[in-house]
Amino acid sequence: MGTVMVVDDASFMRAVLKKIVLQSGNEIVAEAANGDEAITKYEASKPDLVLMDIVMPPTPRAKDGIEALKGIISTDPAAKVVMCSSMGQQALIAEALKSGAKDFVVKPFQPQKVMEVLTKYCC
């Protein structure tokens, strides 16, 4: 199976995603609570897939999930990043997809949808 990094400023959301990822048979190799951590930890762990929240508090290098996505893609153009968003964030989702995200999943997470993304992009 594949390796996954989970990025969300809410520890509860990271826990929900981690549970689904582990149940799918994939491995969590890193988790991050903000964009700067995401960029640094991606470079260190090189996961097969990143599940990343679009809306996170600003940090010096990444003001949100889209900036973190751009940071990851700039260091690894082949990176597979799937964005996590709440309903009603279509403009942000469109921007993320234009910036290199492969796909998106909507919060609250439906385990089946997350599993589909894992199956599609891990391995």
PDB file of N, CA and C in Angstrom:
ATOM      1  N   MET A   1       0.836  -1.194   0.000  1.00  0.00           N
ATOM      2  CA  MET A   1       0.000   0.000   0.000  1.00  0.00           C
ATOM      3  C   MET A   1       0.874   1.248   0.000  1.00  0.00           C
ATOM      4  N   GLY A   2       0.226   2.410   0.078  1.00  0.00           N
ATOM      5  CA  GLY A   2       0.961   3.654  -0.056  1.00  0.00           C
ATOM      6  C   GLY A   2       1.231   4.369   1.252  1.00  0.00           C
ATOM      7  N   THR A   3       2.025   5.438   1.135  1.00  0.00           N
ATOM      8  CA  THR A   3       2.345   6.282   2.282  1.00  0.00           C
ATOM      9  C   THR A   3       1.597   7.602   2.149  1.00  0.00           C
ATOM     10  N   VAL A   4       1.124   8.109   3.281  1.00  0.00           N
ATOM     11  CA  VAL A   4       0.258   9.287   3.274  1.00  0.00           C
ATOM     12  C   VAL A   4       0.710  10.281   4.342  1.00  0.00           C
ATOM     13  N   MET A   5       0.631  11.575   3.989  1.00  0.00           N
ATOM     14  CA  MET A   5       0.810  12.648   4.963  1.00  0.00           C
ATOM     15  C   MET A   5      -0.536  13.367   5.103  1.00  0.00           C
ATOM     16  N   VAL A   6      -0.944  13.612   6.348  1.00  0.00           N
ATOM     17  CA  VAL A   6      -2.208  14.286   6.638  1.00  0.00           C
ATOM     18  C   VAL A   6      -1.894  15.681   7.163  1.00  0.00           C
ATOM     19  N   VAL A   7      -2.524  16.697   6.552  1.00  0.00           N
ATOM     20  CA  VAL A   7      -2.279  18.089   6.941  1.00  0.00           C
ATOM     21  C   VAL A   7      -3.617  18.771   7.241  1.00  0.00           C
ATOM     22  N   ASP A   8      -3.781  19.206   8.481  1.00  0.00           N
ATOM     23  CA  ASP A   8      -4.986  19.948   8.878  1.00  0.00           C
ATOM     24  C   ASP A   8      -4.662  20.667  10.174  1.00  0.00           C
ATOM     25  N   ASP A   9      -5.131  21.901  10.314  1.00  0.00           N
ATOM     26  CA  ASP A   9      -4.853  22.636  11.553  1.00  0.00           C
ATOM     27  C   ASP A   9      -5.674  22.102  12.725  1.00  0.00           C
ATOM     28  N   ALA A  10      -6.740  21.350  12.455  1.00  0.00           N
ATOM     29  CA  ALA A  10      -7.568  20.775  13.521  1.00  0.00           C
ATOM     30  C   ALA A  10      -7.118  19.338  13.807  1.00  0.00           C
ATOM     31  N   SER A  11      -6.653  19.107  15.021  1.00  0.00           N
ATOM     32  CA  SER A  11      -6.170  17.765  15.374  1.00  0.00           C
ATOM     33  C   SER A  11      -7.276  16.721  15.240  1.00  0.00           C
ATOM     34  N   PHE A  12      -8.520  17.115  15.500  1.00  0.00           N
ATOM     35  CA  PHE A  12      -9.650  16.188  15.362  1.00  0.00           C
ATOM     36  C   PHE A  12      -9.770  15.719  13.908  1.00  0.00           C
ATOM     37  N   MET A  13      -9.651  16.657  12.965  1.00  0.00           N
ATOM     38  CA  MET A  13      -9.764  16.286  11.547  1.00  0.00           C
ATOM     39  C   MET A  13      -8.601  15.385  11.127  1.00  0.00           C
ATOM     40  N   ARG A  14      -7.403  15.675  11.637  1.00  0.00           N
ATOM     41  CA  ARG A  14      -6.263  14.794  11.341  1.00  0.00           C
ATOM     42  C   ARG A  14      -6.549  13.389  11.861  1.00  0.00           C
ATOM     43  N   ALA A  15      -7.117  13.304  13.057  1.00  0.00           N
ATOM     44  CA  ALA A  15      -7.424  11.995  13.653  1.00  0.00           C
ATOM     45  C   ALA A  15      -8.446  11.229  12.813  1.00  0.00           C
ATOM     46  N   VAL A  16      -9.475  11.924  12.334  1.00  0.00           N
ATOM     47  CA  VAL A  16     -10.501  11.287  11.498  1.00  0.00           C
ATOM     48  C   VAL A  16      -9.864  10.742  10.217  1.00  0.00           C
ATOM     49  N   LEU A  17      -9.059  11.572   9.565  1.00  0.00           N
ATOM     50  CA  LEU A  17      -8.400  11.141   8.328  1.00  0.00           C
ATOM     51  C   LEU A  17      -7.425   9.997   8.572  1.00  0.00           C
ATOM     52  N   LYS A  18      -6.644  10.102   9.650  1.00  0.00           N
ATOM     53  CA  LYS A  18      -5.666   9.050   9.957  1.00  0.00           C
ATOM     54  C   LYS A  18      -6.367   7.706  10.137  1.00  0.00           C
ATOM     55  N   LYS A  19      -7.498   7.713  10.812  1.00  0.00           N
ATOM     56  CA  LYS A  19      -8.240   6.469  11.048  1.00  0.00           C
ATOM     57  C   LYS A  19      -8.663   5.842   9.716  1.00  0.00           C
ATOM     58  N   ILE A  20      -9.194   6.655   8.803  1.00  0.00           N
ATOM     59  CA  ILE A  20      -9.629   6.147   7.500  1.00  0.00           C
ATOM     60  C   ILE A  20      -8.436   5.624   6.709  1.00  0.00           C
ATOM     61  N   VAL A  21      -7.335   6.371   6.717  1.00  0.00           N
ATOM     62  CA  VAL A  21      -6.128   5.968   5.973  1.00  0.00           C
ATOM     63  C   VAL A  21      -5.620   4.623   6.503  1.00  0.00           C
ATOM     64  N   LEU A  22      -5.529   4.498   7.824  1.00  0.00           N
ATOM     65  CA  LEU A  22      -5.021   3.254   8.416  1.00  0.00           C
ATOM     66  C   LEU A  22      -5.958   2.083   8.140  1.00  0.00           C
ATOM     67  N   GLN A  23      -7.275   2.332   8.196  1.00  0.00           N
ATOM     68  CA  GLN A  23      -8.244   1.265   7.901  1.00  0.00           C
ATOM     69  C   GLN A  23      -8.138   0.796   6.452  1.00  0.00           C
ATOM     70  N   SER A  24      -7.677   1.679   5.571  1.00  0.00           N
ATOM     71  CA  SER A  24      -7.555   1.320   4.150  1.00  0.00           C
ATOM     72  C   SER A  24      -6.298   0.494   3.885  1.00  0.00           C
ATOM     73  N   GLY A  25      -5.452   0.363   4.913  1.00  0.00           N
ATOM     74  CA  GLY A  25      -4.227  -0.410   4.741  1.00  0.00           C
ATOM     75  C   GLY A  25      -3.030   0.423   4.331  1.00  0.00           C
ATOM     76  N   ASN A  26      -3.203   1.730   4.245  1.00  0.00           N
ATOM     77  CA  ASN A  26      -2.096   2.623   3.908  1.00  0.00           C
ATOM     78  C   ASN A  26      -1.389   3.054   5.191  1.00  0.00           C
ATOM     79  N   GLU A  27      -0.223   3.666   5.035  1.00  0.00           N
ATOM     80  CA  GLU A  27       0.610   4.044   6.172  1.00  0.00           C
ATOM     81  C   GLU A  27       0.694   5.562   6.295  1.00  0.00           C
ATOM     82  N   ILE A  28       0.553   6.078   7.518  1.00  0.00           N
ATOM     83  CA  ILE A  28       0.756   7.506   7.782  1.00  0.00           C
ATOM     84  C   ILE A  28       2.247   7.707   8.054  1.00  0.00           C
ATOM     85  N   VAL A  29       2.911   8.504   7.217  1.00  0.00           N
ATOM     86  CA  VAL A  29       4.345   8.742   7.422  1.00  0.00           C
ATOM     87  C   VAL A  29       4.626  10.113   8.020  1.00  0.00           C
ATOM     88  N   ALA A  30       3.624  11.001   7.976  1.00  0.00           N
ATOM     89  CA  ALA A  30       3.803  12.334   8.548  1.00  0.00           C
ATOM     90  C   ALA A  30       2.442  12.979   8.727  1.00  0.00           C
ATOM     91  N   GLU A  31       2.405  13.949   9.655  1.00  0.00           N
ATOM     92  CA  GLU A  31       1.231  14.804   9.764  1.00  0.00           C
ATOM     93  C   GLU A  31       1.708  16.196  10.114  1.00  0.00           C
ATOM     94  N   ALA A  32       0.925  17.175   9.676  1.00  0.00           N
ATOM     95  CA  ALA A  32       1.302  18.566   9.887  1.00  0.00           C
ATOM     96  C   ALA A  32       0.059  19.373  10.257  1.00  0.00           C
ATOM     97  N   ALA A  33       0.291  20.450  11.043  1.00  0.00           N
ATOM     98  CA  ALA A  33      -0.806  21.287  11.510  1.00  0.00           C
ATOM     99  C   ALA A  33      -0.892  22.614  10.769  1.00  0.00           C
ATOM    100  N   ASN A  34       0.096  22.893   9.879  1.00  0.00           N
ATOM    101  CA  ASN A  34       0.055  24.140   9.110  1.00  0.00           C
ATOM    102  C   ASN A  34       0.850  23.970   7.812  1.00  0.00           C
ATOM    103  N   GLY A  35       0.797  24.994   6.989  1.00  0.00           N
ATOM    104  CA  GLY A  35       1.445  24.929   5.683  1.00  0.00           C
ATOM    105  C   GLY A  35       2.952  24.795   5.732  1.00  0.00           C
ATOM    106  N   ASP A  36       3.601  25.527   6.646  1.00  0.00           N
ATOM    107  CA  ASP A  36       5.062  25.433   6.748  1.00  0.00           C
ATOM    108  C   ASP A  36       5.495  24.022   7.130  1.00  0.00           C
ATOM    109  N   GLU A  37       4.799  23.450   8.132  1.00  0.00           N
ATOM    110  CA  GLU A  37       5.109  22.069   8.537  1.00  0.00           C
ATOM    111  C   GLU A  37       4.890  21.120   7.364  1.00  0.00           C
ATOM    112  N   ALA A  38       3.824  21.348   6.608  1.00  0.00           N
ATOM    113  CA  ALA A  38       3.504  20.473   5.479  1.00  0.00           C
ATOM    114  C   ALA A  38       4.641  20.453   4.463  1.00  0.00           C
ATOM    115  N   ILE A  39       5.154  21.623   4.119  1.00  0.00           N
ATOM    116  CA  ILE A  39       6.235  21.716   3.128  1.00  0.00           C
ATOM    117  C   ILE A  39       7.487  21.010   3.658  1.00  0.00           C
ATOM    118  N   THR A  40       7.864  21.306   4.902  1.00  0.00           N
ATOM    119  CA  THR A  40       9.060  20.714   5.505  1.00  0.00           C
ATOM    120  C   THR A  40       8.926  19.197   5.627  1.00  0.00           C
ATOM    121  N   LYS A  41       7.783  18.741   6.133  1.00  0.00           N
ATOM    122  CA  LYS A  41       7.597  17.310   6.351  1.00  0.00           C
ATOM    123  C   LYS A  41       7.440  16.557   5.032  1.00  0.00           C
ATOM    124  N   TYR A  42       6.885  17.217   4.006  1.00  0.00           N
ATOM    125  CA  TYR A  42       6.800  16.558   2.693  1.00  0.00           C
ATOM    126  C   TYR A  42       8.216  16.270   2.183  1.00  0.00           C
ATOM    127  N   GLU A  43       9.072  17.273   2.265  1.00  0.00           N
ATOM    128  CA  GLU A  43      10.444  17.115   1.773  1.00  0.00           C
ATOM    129  C   GLU A  43      11.177  16.005   2.524  1.00  0.00           C
ATOM    130  N   ALA A  44      10.885  15.843   3.811  1.00  0.00           N
ATOM    131  CA  ALA A  44      11.560  14.826   4.626  1.00  0.00           C
ATOM    132  C   ALA A  44      11.004  13.421   4.398  1.00  0.00           C
ATOM    133  N   SER A  45       9.687  13.313   4.167  1.00  0.00           N
ATOM    134  CA  SER A  45       9.064  11.979   4.111  1.00  0.00           C
ATOM    135  C   SER A  45       8.677  11.504   2.712  1.00  0.00           C
ATOM    136  N   LYS A  46       8.529  12.424   1.752  1.00  0.00           N
ATOM    137  CA  LYS A  46       8.159  12.090   0.373  1.00  0.00           C
ATOM    138  C   LYS A  46       7.022  11.051   0.302  1.00  0.00           C
ATOM    139  N   PRO A  47       5.849  11.367   0.871  1.00  0.00           N
ATOM    140  CA  PRO A  47       4.738  10.408   0.844  1.00  0.00           C
ATOM    141  C   PRO A  47       4.184  10.228  -0.575  1.00  0.00           C
ATOM    142  N   ASP A  48       3.490   9.114  -0.774  1.00  0.00           N
ATOM    143  CA  ASP A  48       2.828   8.874  -2.062  1.00  0.00           C
ATOM    144  C   ASP A  48       1.676   9.849  -2.269  1.00  0.00           C
ATOM    145  N   LEU A  49       1.048  10.263  -1.163  1.00  0.00           N
ATOM    146  CA  LEU A  49      -0.132  11.122  -1.240  1.00  0.00           C
ATOM    147  C   LEU A  49      -0.173  12.063  -0.047  1.00  0.00           C
ATOM    148  N   VAL A  50      -0.616  13.296  -0.300  1.00  0.00           N
ATOM    149  CA  VAL A  50      -0.849  14.272   0.770  1.00  0.00           C
ATOM    150  C   VAL A  50      -2.338  14.597   0.790  1.00  0.00           C
ATOM    151  N   LEU A  51      -2.958  14.486   1.953  1.00  0.00           N
ATOM    152  CA  LEU A  51      -4.334  14.934   2.156  1.00  0.00           C
ATOM    153  C   LEU A  51      -4.230  16.231   2.946  1.00  0.00           C
ATOM    154  N   MET A  52      -4.613  17.368   2.315  1.00  0.00           N
ATOM    155  CA  MET A  52      -4.357  18.669   2.930  1.00  0.00           C
ATOM    156  C   MET A  52      -5.592  19.569   2.944  1.00  0.00           C
ATOM    157  N   ASP A  53      -5.827  20.159   4.107  1.00  0.00           N
ATOM    158  CA  ASP A  53      -6.899  21.133   4.295  1.00  0.00           C
ATOM    159  C   ASP A  53      -6.598  22.373   3.452  1.00  0.00           C
ATOM    160  N   ILE A  54      -7.623  22.940   2.840  1.00  0.00           N
ATOM    161  CA  ILE A  54      -7.430  24.164   2.048  1.00  0.00           C
ATOM    162  C   ILE A  54      -7.300  25.376   2.973  1.00  0.00           C
ATOM    163  N   VAL A  55      -8.158  25.461   3.994  1.00  0.00           N
ATOM    164  CA  VAL A  55      -8.195  26.639   4.861  1.00  0.00           C
ATOM    165  C   VAL A  55      -7.448  26.349   6.156  1.00  0.00           C
ATOM    166  N   MET A  56      -6.285  26.988   6.300  1.00  0.00           N
ATOM    167  CA  MET A  56      -5.479  26.861   7.516  1.00  0.00           C
ATOM    168  C   MET A  56      -4.959  28.243   7.883  1.00  0.00           C
ATOM    169  N   PRO A  57      -4.607  28.447   9.164  1.00  0.00           N
ATOM    170  CA  PRO A  57      -4.054  29.751   9.559  1.00  0.00           C
ATOM    171  C   PRO A  57      -2.754  30.057   8.809  1.00  0.00           C
ATOM    172  N   PRO A  58      -2.509  31.332   8.520  1.00  0.00           N
ATOM    173  CA  PRO A  58      -1.295  31.702   7.790  1.00  0.00           C
ATOM    174  C   PRO A  58      -0.018  31.443   8.595  1.00  0.00           C
ATOM    175  N   THR A  59       1.036  31.110   7.871  1.00  0.00           N
ATOM    176  CA  THR A  59       2.375  30.918   8.442  1.00  0.00           C
ATOM    177  C   THR A  59       3.352  31.707   7.563  1.00  0.00           C
ATOM    178  N   PRO A  60       4.600  31.842   7.975  1.00  0.00           N
ATOM    179  CA  PRO A  60       5.533  32.661   7.182  1.00  0.00           C
ATOM    180  C   PRO A  60       5.671  32.244   5.710  1.00  0.00           C
ATOM    181  N   ARG A  61       5.719  30.933   5.421  1.00  0.00           N
ATOM    182  CA  ARG A  61       5.896  30.498   4.028  1.00  0.00           C
ATOM    183  C   ARG A  61       4.591  30.193   3.320  1.00  0.00           C
ATOM    184  N   ALA A  62       3.540  29.840   4.063  1.00  0.00           N
ATOM    185  CA  ALA A  62       2.286  29.412   3.439  1.00  0.00           C
ATOM    186  C   ALA A  62       1.100  30.048   4.139  1.00  0.00           C
ATOM    187  N   LYS A  63       0.413  30.950   3.433  1.00  0.00           N
ATOM    188  CA  LYS A  63      -0.692  31.624   4.099  1.00  0.00           C
ATOM    189  C   LYS A  63      -1.952  30.752   4.192  1.00  0.00           C
ATOM    190  N   ASP A  64      -1.997  29.654   3.434  1.00  0.00           N
ATOM    191  CA  ASP A  64      -3.122  28.721   3.515  1.00  0.00           C
ATOM    192  C   ASP A  64      -2.724  27.409   2.836  1.00  0.00           C
ATOM    193  N   GLY A  65      -3.681  26.496   2.701  1.00  0.00           N
ATOM    194  CA  GLY A  65      -3.396  25.210   2.084  1.00  0.00           C
ATOM    195  C   GLY A  65      -2.968  25.316   0.635  1.00  0.00           C
ATOM    196  N   ILE A  66      -3.504  26.298  -0.084  1.00  0.00           N
ATOM    197  CA  ILE A  66      -3.139  26.459  -1.497  1.00  0.00           C
ATOM    198  C   ILE A  66      -1.675  26.888  -1.615  1.00  0.00           C
ATOM    199  N   GLU A  67      -1.231  27.795  -0.737  1.00  0.00           N
ATOM    200  CA  GLU A  67       0.186  28.197  -0.755  1.00  0.00           C
ATOM    201  C   GLU A  67       1.091  27.014  -0.397  1.00  0.00           C
ATOM    202  N   ALA A  68       0.654  26.191   0.565  1.00  0.00           N
ATOM    203  CA  ALA A  68       1.428  25.002   0.926  1.00  0.00           C
ATOM    204  C   ALA A  68       1.473  24.027  -0.249  1.00  0.00           C
ATOM    205  N   LEU A  69       0.353  23.871  -0.927  1.00  0.00           N
ATOM    206  CA  LEU A  69       0.300  23.035  -2.137  1.00  0.00           C
ATOM    207  C   LEU A  69       1.329  23.521  -3.158  1.00  0.00           C
ATOM    208  N   LYS A  70       1.349  24.818  -3.412  1.00  0.00           N
ATOM    209  CA  LYS A  70       2.300  25.387  -4.375  1.00  0.00           C
ATOM    210  C   LYS A  70       3.741  25.145  -3.928  1.00  0.00           C
ATOM    211  N   GLY A  71       3.988  25.253  -2.616  1.00  0.00           N
ATOM    212  CA  GLY A  71       5.323  25.004  -2.088  1.00  0.00           C
ATOM    213  C   GLY A  71       5.758  23.561  -2.314  1.00  0.00           C
ATOM    214  N   ILE A  72       4.843  22.633  -2.096  1.00  0.00           N
ATOM    215  CA  ILE A  72       5.156  21.215  -2.300  1.00  0.00           C
ATOM    216  C   ILE A  72       5.375  20.927  -3.781  1.00  0.00           C
ATOM    217  N   ILE A  73       4.497  21.441  -4.625  1.00  0.00           N
ATOM    218  CA  ILE A  73       4.606  21.201  -6.075  1.00  0.00           C
ATOM    219  C   ILE A  73       5.890  21.819  -6.626  1.00  0.00           C
ATOM    220  N   SER A  74       6.315  22.956  -6.078  1.00  0.00           N
ATOM    221  CA  SER A  74       7.542  23.590  -6.585  1.00  0.00           C
ATOM    222  C   SER A  74       8.772  22.736  -6.284  1.00  0.00           C
ATOM    223  N   THR A  75       8.754  21.989  -5.167  1.00  0.00           N
ATOM    224  CA  THR A  75       9.899  21.121  -4.860  1.00  0.00           C
ATOM    225  C   THR A  75       9.767  19.754  -5.514  1.00  0.00           C
ATOM    226  N   ASP A  76       8.532  19.321  -5.785  1.00  0.00           N
ATOM    227  CA  ASP A  76       8.292  18.017  -6.410  1.00  0.00           C
ATOM    228  C   ASP A  76       7.079  18.111  -7.327  1.00  0.00           C
ATOM    229  N   PRO A  77       7.307  18.428  -8.611  1.00  0.00           N
ATOM    230  CA  PRO A  77       6.184  18.576  -9.545  1.00  0.00           C
ATOM    231  C   PRO A  77       5.321  17.322  -9.683  1.00  0.00           C
ATOM    232  N   ALA A  78       5.846  16.162  -9.303  1.00  0.00           N
ATOM    233  CA  ALA A  78       5.086  14.913  -9.397  1.00  0.00           C
ATOM    234  C   ALA A  78       4.284  14.619  -8.126  1.00  0.00           C
ATOM    235  N   ALA A  79       4.323  15.519  -7.150  1.00  0.00           N
ATOM    236  CA  ALA A  79       3.609  15.292  -5.886  1.00  0.00           C
ATOM    237  C   ALA A  79       2.119  15.109  -6.138  1.00  0.00           C
ATOM    238  N   LYS A  80       1.528  14.183  -5.382  1.00  0.00           N
ATOM    239  CA  LYS A  80       0.084  13.949  -5.454  1.00  0.00           C
ATOM    240  C   LYS A  80      -0.541  14.523  -4.186  1.00  0.00           C
ATOM    241  N   VAL A  81      -1.265  15.628  -4.370  1.00  0.00           N
ATOM    242  CA  VAL A  81      -1.900  16.308  -3.241  1.00  0.00           C
ATOM    243  C   VAL A  81      -3.402  16.352  -3.495  1.00  0.00           C
ATOM    244  N   VAL A  82      -4.172  15.898  -2.513  1.00  0.00           N
ATOM    245  CA  VAL A  82      -5.630  15.957  -2.570  1.00  0.00           C
ATOM    246  C   VAL A  82      -6.066  16.922  -1.474  1.00  0.00           C
ATOM    247  N   MET A  83      -6.835  17.917  -1.861  1.00  0.00           N
ATOM    248  CA  MET A  83      -7.263  18.945  -0.922  1.00  0.00           C
ATOM    249  C   MET A  83      -8.551  18.540  -0.219  1.00  0.00           C
ATOM    250  N   CYS A  84      -8.676  18.975   1.030  1.00  0.00           N
ATOM    251  CA  CYS A  84      -9.869  18.733   1.836  1.00  0.00           C
ATOM    252  C   CYS A  84     -10.538  20.080   2.064  1.00  0.00           C
ATOM    253  N   SER A  85     -11.840  20.151   1.780  1.00  0.00           N
ATOM    254  CA  SER A  85     -12.521  21.435   1.907  1.00  0.00           C
ATOM    255  C   SER A  85     -13.915  21.255   2.472  1.00  0.00           C
ATOM    256  N   SER A  86     -14.446  22.341   2.984  1.00  0.00           N
ATOM    257  CA  SER A  86     -15.832  22.349   3.439  1.00  0.00           C
ATOM    258  C   SER A  86     -16.733  22.656   2.252  1.00  0.00           C
ATOM    259  N   MET A  87     -18.003  22.360   2.410  1.00  0.00           N
ATOM    260  CA  MET A  87     -18.970  22.689   1.359  1.00  0.00           C
ATOM    261  C   MET A  87     -18.933  24.197   1.114  1.00  0.00           C
ATOM    262  N   GLY A  88     -19.184  24.618  -0.108  1.00  0.00           N
ATOM    263  CA  GLY A  88     -19.259  26.032  -0.419  1.00  0.00           C
ATOM    264  C   GLY A  88     -17.927  26.686  -0.703  1.00  0.00           C
ATOM    265  N   GLN A  89     -16.882  25.915  -0.895  1.00  0.00           N
ATOM    266  CA  GLN A  89     -15.562  26.485  -1.176  1.00  0.00           C
ATOM    267  C   GLN A  89     -15.130  26.204  -2.614  1.00  0.00           C
ATOM    268  N   GLN A  90     -16.081  26.274  -3.542  1.00  0.00           N
ATOM    269  CA  GLN A  90     -15.799  25.936  -4.933  1.00  0.00           C
ATOM    270  C   GLN A  90     -14.686  26.775  -5.542  1.00  0.00           C
ATOM    271  N   ALA A  91     -14.638  28.068  -5.212  1.00  0.00           N
ATOM    272  CA  ALA A  91     -13.589  28.930  -5.777  1.00  0.00           C
ATOM    273  C   ALA A  91     -12.214  28.479  -5.305  1.00  0.00           C
ATOM    274  N   LEU A  92     -12.103  28.134  -4.026  1.00  0.00           N
ATOM    275  CA  LEU A  92     -10.824  27.656  -3.501  1.00  0.00           C
ATOM    276  C   LEU A  92     -10.454  26.311  -4.117  1.00  0.00           C
ATOM    277  N   ILE A  93     -11.441  25.437  -4.283  1.00  0.00           N
ATOM    278  CA  ILE A  93     -11.178  24.130  -4.893  1.00  0.00           C
ATOM    279  C   ILE A  93     -10.671  24.322  -6.319  1.00  0.00           C
ATOM    280  N   ALA A  94     -11.322  25.207  -7.079  1.00  0.00           N
ATOM    281  CA  ALA A  94     -10.898  25.470  -8.462  1.00  0.00           C
ATOM    282  C   ALA A  94      -9.468  26.006  -8.483  1.00  0.00           C
ATOM    283  N   GLU A  95      -9.135  26.915  -7.578  1.00  0.00           N
ATOM    284  CA  GLU A  95      -7.778  27.467  -7.516  1.00  0.00           C
ATOM    285  C   GLU A  95      -6.763  26.375  -7.172  1.00  0.00           C
ATOM    286  N   ALA A  96      -7.136  25.499  -6.230  1.00  0.00           N
ATOM    287  CA  ALA A  96      -6.238  24.406  -5.831  1.00  0.00           C
ATOM    288  C   ALA A  96      -5.979  23.461  -7.005  1.00  0.00           C
ATOM    289  N   LEU A  97      -7.027  23.126  -7.740  1.00  0.00           N
ATOM    290  CA  LEU A  97      -6.863  22.226  -8.887  1.00  0.00           C
ATOM    291  C   LEU A  97      -5.975  22.866  -9.957  1.00  0.00           C
ATOM    292  N   LYS A  98      -6.139  24.173 -10.173  1.00  0.00           N
ATOM    293  CA  LYS A  98      -5.284  24.896 -11.130  1.00  0.00           C
ATOM    294  C   LYS A  98      -3.835  24.945 -10.647  1.00  0.00           C
ATOM    295  N   SER A  99      -3.644  24.930  -9.324  1.00  0.00           N
ATOM    296  CA  SER A  99      -2.305  25.034  -8.732  1.00  0.00           C
ATOM    297  C   SER A  99      -1.591  23.689  -8.613  1.00  0.00           C
ATOM    298  N   GLY A 100      -2.256  22.616  -9.031  1.00  0.00           N
ATOM    299  CA  GLY A 100      -1.587  21.317  -9.040  1.00  0.00           C
ATOM    300  C   GLY A 100      -2.201  20.222  -8.201  1.00  0.00           C
ATOM    301  N   ALA A 101      -3.275  20.518  -7.462  1.00  0.00           N
ATOM    302  CA  ALA A 101      -3.939  19.459  -6.691  1.00  0.00           C
ATOM    303  C   ALA A 101      -4.529  18.438  -7.659  1.00  0.00           C
ATOM    304  N   LYS A 102      -4.492  17.179  -7.266  1.00  0.00           N
ATOM    305  CA  LYS A 102      -5.014  16.111  -8.123  1.00  0.00           C
ATOM    306  C   LYS A 102      -6.515  15.951  -7.981  1.00  0.00           C
ATOM    307  N   ASP A 103      -7.042  16.263  -6.786  1.00  0.00           N
ATOM    308  CA  ASP A 103      -8.447  15.992  -6.507  1.00  0.00           C
ATOM    309  C   ASP A 103      -8.818  16.710  -5.216  1.00  0.00           C
ATOM    310  N   PHE A 104     -10.048  16.500  -4.741  1.00  0.00           N
ATOM    311  CA  PHE A 104     -10.467  17.062  -3.460  1.00  0.00           C
ATOM    312  C   PHE A 104     -11.503  16.153  -2.824  1.00  0.00           C
ATOM    313  N   VAL A 105     -11.594  16.225  -1.509  1.00  0.00           N
ATOM    314  CA  VAL A 105     -12.654  15.556  -0.769  1.00  0.00           C
ATOM    315  C   VAL A 105     -13.314  16.601   0.117  1.00  0.00           C
ATOM    316  N   VAL A 106     -14.603  16.405   0.365  1.00  0.00           N
ATOM    317  CA  VAL A 106     -15.389  17.398   1.101  1.00  0.00           C
ATOM    318  C   VAL A 106     -15.566  16.965   2.559  1.00  0.00           C
ATOM    319  N   LYS A 107     -15.442  17.954   3.457  1.00  0.00           N
ATOM    320  CA  LYS A 107     -15.735  17.737   4.874  1.00  0.00           C
ATOM    321  C   LYS A 107     -17.229  17.956   5.089  1.00  0.00           C
ATOM    322  N   PRO A 108     -17.878  17.273   6.002  1.00  0.00           N
ATOM    323  CA  PRO A 108     -17.339  16.188   6.822  1.00  0.00           C
ATOM    324  C   PRO A 108     -17.003  14.984   5.941  1.00  0.00           C
ATOM    325  N   PHE A 109     -15.926  14.301   6.294  1.00  0.00           N
ATOM    326  CA  PHE A 109     -15.433  13.225   5.458  1.00  0.00           C
ATOM    327  C   PHE A 109     -16.381  12.038   5.426  1.00  0.00           C
ATOM    328  N   GLN A 110     -16.625  11.546   4.210  1.00  0.00           N
ATOM    329  CA  GLN A 110     -17.330  10.288   4.044  1.00  0.00           C
ATOM    330  C   GLN A 110     -16.235   9.256   3.790  1.00  0.00           C
ATOM    331  N   PRO A 111     -16.104   8.270   4.670  1.00  0.00           N
ATOM    332  CA  PRO A 111     -15.020   7.302   4.527  1.00  0.00           C
ATOM    333  C   PRO A 111     -14.902   6.714   3.120  1.00  0.00           C
ATOM    334  N   GLN A 112     -16.038   6.457   2.473  1.00  0.00           N
ATOM    335  CA  GLN A 112     -15.996   5.856   1.132  1.00  0.00           C
ATOM    336  C   GLN A 112     -15.311   6.777   0.126  1.00  0.00           C
ATOM    337  N   LYS A 113     -15.576   8.087   0.220  1.00  0.00           N
ATOM    338  CA  LYS A 113     -14.948   9.044  -0.701  1.00  0.00           C
ATOM    339  C   LYS A 113     -13.441   9.118  -0.464  1.00  0.00           C
ATOM    340  N   VAL A 114     -13.031   9.124   0.802  1.00  0.00           N
ATOM    341  CA  VAL A 114     -11.605   9.167   1.125  1.00  0.00           C
ATOM    342  C   VAL A 114     -10.937   7.883   0.623  1.00  0.00           C
ATOM    343  N   MET A 115     -11.606   6.744   0.812  1.00  0.00           N
ATOM    344  CA  MET A 115     -11.071   5.462   0.334  1.00  0.00           C
ATOM    345  C   MET A 115     -10.872   5.481  -1.186  1.00  0.00           C
ATOM    346  N   GLU A 116     -11.824   6.071  -1.902  1.00  0.00           N
ATOM    347  CA  GLU A 116     -11.714   6.155  -3.375  1.00  0.00           C
ATOM    348  C   GLU A 116     -10.459   6.935  -3.768  1.00  0.00           C
ATOM    349  N   VAL A 117     -10.219   8.054  -3.094  1.00  0.00           N
ATOM    350  CA  VAL A 117      -9.038   8.870  -3.377  1.00  0.00           C
ATOM    351  C   VAL A 117      -7.762   8.082  -3.054  1.00  0.00           C
ATOM    352  N   LEU A 118      -7.766   7.389  -1.927  1.00  0.00           N
ATOM    353  CA  LEU A 118      -6.600   6.588  -1.543  1.00  0.00           C
ATOM    354  C   LEU A 118      -6.316   5.508  -2.580  1.00  0.00           C
ATOM    355  N   THR A 119      -7.377   4.841  -3.020  1.00  0.00           N
ATOM    356  CA  THR A 119      -7.221   3.776  -4.021  1.00  0.00           C
ATOM    357  C   THR A 119      -6.680   4.352  -5.330  1.00  0.00           C
ATOM    358  N   LYS A 120      -7.168   5.535  -5.693  1.00  0.00           N
ATOM    359  CA  LYS A 120      -6.786   6.146  -6.967  1.00  0.00           C
ATOM    360  C   LYS A 120      -5.340   6.653  -6.972  1.00  0.00           C
ATOM    361  N   TYR A 121      -4.871   7.218  -5.845  1.00  0.00           N
ATOM    362  CA  TYR A 121      -3.583   7.911  -5.859  1.00  0.00           C
ATOM    363  C   TYR A 121      -2.458   7.248  -5.069  1.00  0.00           C
ATOM    364  N   CYS A 122      -2.755   6.257  -4.252  1.00  0.00           N
ATOM    365  CA  CYS A 122      -1.680   5.573  -3.508  1.00  0.00           C
ATOM    366  C   CYS A 122      -1.210   4.363  -4.300  1.00  0.00           C
ATOM    367  N   CYS A 123       0.087   4.114  -4.241  1.00  0.00           N
ATOM    368  CA  CYS A 123       0.750   2.957  -4.878  1.00  0.00           C
ATOM    369  C   CYS A 123       1.279   3.250  -6.256  1.00  0.00           C
TER     370      CYS A 123
END
